[in-house]
Amino acid sequence: MPRGGKCAPDRKPRPGRPRDPAKRNAILAAAREAFLERGLAASTIEDIAQRAGVSKVTLYNRFGDKETLFEAVMRGELERMTAAFDLSADCDSTLEARLNLFGEGLLQHLFSADLLGFDRLLASEIAQVPALSERFFRAGPGLCRQRLAGVLADAAARGELVLDDASQAAEDLMSLWRGLCDVEIKFGLVRSPDAGVIRRRAAHGTRLFLRAYQSSHQQEE
């Protein structure tokens, strides 16, 4: 016990050093580059860490394993895809306008050269790592459907749409936006569409969707 019989004051533990978001972004960018160049199996933690300018310990501490890192890369792709819609979510705009923005973001992503590279990567890797398909779906298409279903469910709660199943409605709308264009691009039958074509394609799909799901009151306005 300290002199004078006084107890030493309690010392609060020092907080750990806050994680540097710049390092996380550097790791994700390096992993994205490595996966596209070499594939998941051939990419190594050592190579990714070197590209990112961090230690292997730092990379493992942040992501745990290579599959989790791949999932984080795919989640980042989805976040970029929906950025335009997320930024406009609070804007005073119509449901049709908000859906058009979501559709444009989705199509820009689906028709991009990078996604075609990821598709080829997944096709070669899923056979070797079956669990990867479920992780990719949750982080990519599944999360996209979930977000869109939430938007549609909110619209239905406001009386703008008539829905039995928001998740099914989201799939219907995504199919109307997508069509077969991404398949034609993969087969080399057409080039990736420009921004104007994507905008018109998204608007067309949204109009068809609203005709099917919009309440009669909304259609009359």
Foldseek 3Di string as FASTA:
>chain_A
DDPPPDDDDDDDDDDDDDDDVLLVVLLLVLLLVQCLVPAQVPDDLVSSCVSSVHDSVVVCVVQVDSLSSVLVNLLVLQCQLCVQLVVCVPPPDDLLVSQLSSLLSVLCSLLDPSVLSVVVRCVVCCVVVVVSVVSSCVSHVVVSLVVQLVSVVVCVVVQFWADPGSSVLSVQLNCQLCPCVSVCCNVVNDHRDDSVVSSVSSSVSSVVSSVVIGDPVNVVD
